[in-house]
Amino acid sequence: MHGLAGEEFSAFGVSKEDGGVQLVTVPATSAAAKAGLQANDLIQAVNRRKVRNTADLLESLAAAGDTRLTVGLVRNQKPLD
């Protein structure tokens, strides 16, 4: 994971106010990969909770516990749900 700052958000086509956390790598055998997440995805929401930074992401994952996750992300400058 990589918490973005300043102009780094422009590479994803979003503003820094929109926030998000970049997945730097996604191991091929991980649950994230099996769910379809890819390296360089920008996670912006988990279970409809806004993710602006790494702390938000970790809080959202902890709050979700073992429940199924819905992830809102940006891939190749396009939002995906």
Protein backbone atom coordinates (compact mmCIF):
# COMPACT_ATOMS: atom_id res chain seq x y z
CA MET A 1 0.00 0.00 0.00
CA HIS A 2 1.08 3.53 -0.65
CA GLY A 3 -0.64 6.58 0.77
CA LEU A 4 -0.52 9.23 -1.94
CA ALA A 5 0.23 12.89 -1.42
CA GLY A 6 -0.16 16.08 -3.44
CA GLU A 7 0.28 15.70 -7.17
CA GLU A 8 0.49 11.89 -7.04
CA PHE A 9 -3.31 11.75 -7.23
CA SER A 10 -3.27 13.27 -10.73
CA ALA A 11 -1.74 10.05 -12.12
CA PHE A 12 -5.05 8.36 -11.22
CA GLY A 13 -7.22 11.16 -12.58
CA VAL A 14 -8.53 12.14 -9.15
CA SER A 15 -8.00 15.09 -6.87
CA LYS A 16 -6.16 14.91 -3.56
CA GLU A 17 -9.47 15.84 -1.90
CA ASP A 18 -10.94 12.58 -3.26
CA GLY A 19 -8.08 10.66 -1.65
CA GLY A 20 -7.30 6.99 -1.88
CA VAL A 21 -4.64 4.37 -1.25
CA GLN A 22 -2.58 2.83 -4.04
CA LEU A 23 -1.97 -0.91 -4.13
CA VAL A 24 1.70 -1.15 -5.06
CA THR A 25 1.77 -4.93 -5.40
CA VAL A 26 -0.86 -7.64 -5.19
CA PRO A 27 0.59 -11.13 -4.67
CA ALA A 28 -0.88 -13.58 -7.19
CA THR A 29 -2.07 -16.02 -4.51
CA SER A 30 -3.57 -13.37 -2.20
CA ALA A 31 -7.26 -12.91 -1.45
CA ALA A 32 -7.00 -9.46 -3.02
CA ALA A 33 -5.78 -10.94 -6.33
CA LYS A 34 -8.48 -13.59 -6.24
CA ALA A 35 -11.04 -10.80 -5.78
CA GLY A 36 -9.70 -9.06 -8.90
CA LEU A 37 -7.57 -6.31 -7.37
CA GLN A 38 -4.44 -5.39 -9.30
CA ALA A 39 -1.21 -3.53 -8.69
CA ASN A 40 -1.66 0.23 -9.11
CA ASP A 41 -5.38 0.16 -8.27
CA LEU A 42 -6.40 3.16 -6.17
CA ILE A 43 -8.81 2.14 -3.40
CA GLN A 44 -11.24 4.93 -2.57
CA ALA A 45 -13.97 3.12 -0.62
CA VAL A 46 -14.58 -0.05 1.36
CA ASN A 47 -18.18 -1.05 2.02
CA ARG A 48 -19.22 2.46 0.98
CA ARG A 49 -16.92 4.07 3.58
CA LYS A 50 -14.67 6.73 2.05
CA VAL A 51 -10.96 5.86 2.04
CA ARG A 52 -8.81 8.99 1.89
CA ASN A 53 -5.61 7.55 3.33
CA THR A 54 -3.99 4.41 4.75
CA ALA A 55 -5.51 4.97 8.21
CA ASP A 56 -9.02 5.12 6.68
CA LEU A 57 -8.36 1.90 4.77
CA LEU A 58 -7.16 0.03 7.84
CA GLU A 59 -10.12 1.30 9.91
CA SER A 60 -12.58 0.24 7.20
CA LEU A 61 -11.05 -3.23 6.94
CA ALA A 62 -11.11 -3.65 10.73
CA ALA A 63 -14.74 -2.51 10.89
CA ALA A 64 -15.70 -5.00 8.17
CA GLY A 65 -14.26 -7.95 10.08
CA ASP A 66 -14.93 -11.19 8.24
CA THR A 67 -17.79 -9.84 6.13
CA ARG A 68 -17.63 -9.68 2.36
CA LEU A 69 -16.08 -6.44 1.10
CA THR A 70 -17.29 -4.07 -1.55
CA VAL A 71 -14.40 -2.00 -2.87
CA GLY A 72 -14.63 1.22 -4.85
CA LEU A 73 -11.47 1.88 -6.83
CA VAL A 74 -9.89 3.63 -9.74
CA ARG A 75 -8.01 1.62 -12.37
CA ASN A 76 -6.41 3.24 -15.42
CA GLN A 77 -8.07 6.53 -14.47
CA LYS A 78 -11.54 4.95 -14.55
CA PRO A 79 -13.72 4.39 -11.47
CA LEU A 80 -14.79 0.77 -10.85
CA ASP A 81 -17.24 -0.59 -8.28
